[in-house]
Protein backbone atom coordinates (compact mmCIF):
# COMPACT_ATOMS: atom_id res chain seq x y z
CA UNK A 1 83.86 58.34 22.36
CA UNK A 2 87.07 58.65 23.87
CA UNK A 3 90.15 55.98 23.87
CA UNK A 4 92.57 54.99 26.15
CA UNK A 5 94.30 51.99 27.01
CA UNK A 6 93.45 49.67 29.72
CA UNK A 7 95.93 48.25 32.35
CA UNK A 8 95.86 44.93 30.47
CA UNK A 9 97.43 46.84 27.23
CA UNK A 10 94.56 46.71 25.00
CA UNK A 11 92.91 49.92 23.34
CA UNK A 12 89.36 50.57 24.65
CA UNK A 13 86.80 53.24 23.87
CA UNK A 14 84.48 54.90 26.06
CA UNK A 15 80.75 55.07 25.36
CA UNK A 16 77.89 56.58 28.08
CA UNK A 17 75.30 54.24 28.95
CA UNK A 18 71.73 55.32 29.32
CA UNK A 19 72.17 56.34 32.98
CA UNK A 20 75.42 58.25 32.24
CA UNK A 21 77.49 55.67 33.26
CA UNK A 22 80.71 55.16 31.43
CA UNK A 23 81.23 51.93 29.66
CA UNK A 24 84.40 50.48 28.48
CA UNK A 25 84.22 48.94 25.06
CA UNK A 26 86.54 46.72 22.62
CA UNK A 27 86.99 48.98 19.65
CA UNK A 28 86.76 46.02 17.09
CA UNK A 29 83.27 44.38 17.32
CA UNK A 30 82.93 40.27 16.92
CA UNK A 31 82.89 39.33 13.47
CA UNK A 32 79.97 37.16 13.20
CA UNK A 33 77.12 36.39 15.46
CA UNK A 34 74.45 33.59 15.20
CA UNK A 35 70.76 34.44 14.89
CA UNK A 36 67.94 32.60 16.36
CA UNK A 37 67.97 30.29 13.17
CA UNK A 38 71.42 29.38 13.37
CA UNK A 39 72.68 31.41 10.92
CA UNK A 40 76.13 33.25 11.07
CA UNK A 41 75.62 37.30 10.72
CA UNK A 42 78.04 40.01 10.47
CA UNK A 43 78.01 41.92 13.72
CA UNK A 44 78.32 45.94 14.13
CA UNK A 45 77.71 45.40 18.12
CA UNK A 46 80.93 46.33 20.23
CA UNK A 47 81.84 44.26 22.89
CA UNK A 48 82.01 45.48 26.78
CA UNK A 49 85.47 45.16 27.53
CA UNK A 50 85.07 43.40 30.91
CA UNK A 51 84.08 40.48 29.07
CA UNK A 52 87.63 40.13 27.25
CA UNK A 53 89.53 41.88 29.72
CA UNK A 54 92.22 39.43 31.39
CA UNK A 55 92.30 41.76 34.23
CA UNK A 56 88.53 42.13 34.76
CA UNK A 57 88.61 41.07 38.38
CA UNK A 58 90.87 43.86 39.51
CA UNK A 59 88.30 46.40 38.51
CA UNK A 60 85.49 44.66 40.40
CA UNK A 61 84.16 47.07 43.13
CA UNK A 62 84.96 45.44 46.77
CA UNK A 63 81.78 45.18 48.90
CA UNK A 64 82.31 47.73 51.97
CA UNK A 65 83.12 45.95 55.19
CA UNK A 66 80.64 46.05 57.82
CA UNK A 67 81.37 48.15 60.95
């Protein structure tokens, strides 16, 4: 995984998705998640940076204008 800095100023790491697409991730995973029984469990998953980035709307693809 490579690293870079997002336009929002936060560090991100890049992973490759199953279709070969690049996915920006926050380098520190959330500390805990809740399992189906309601127990807090330490997480090892990384969060997609688009979920936490304050500038995420700036990166959305704009629909092509009709001719």
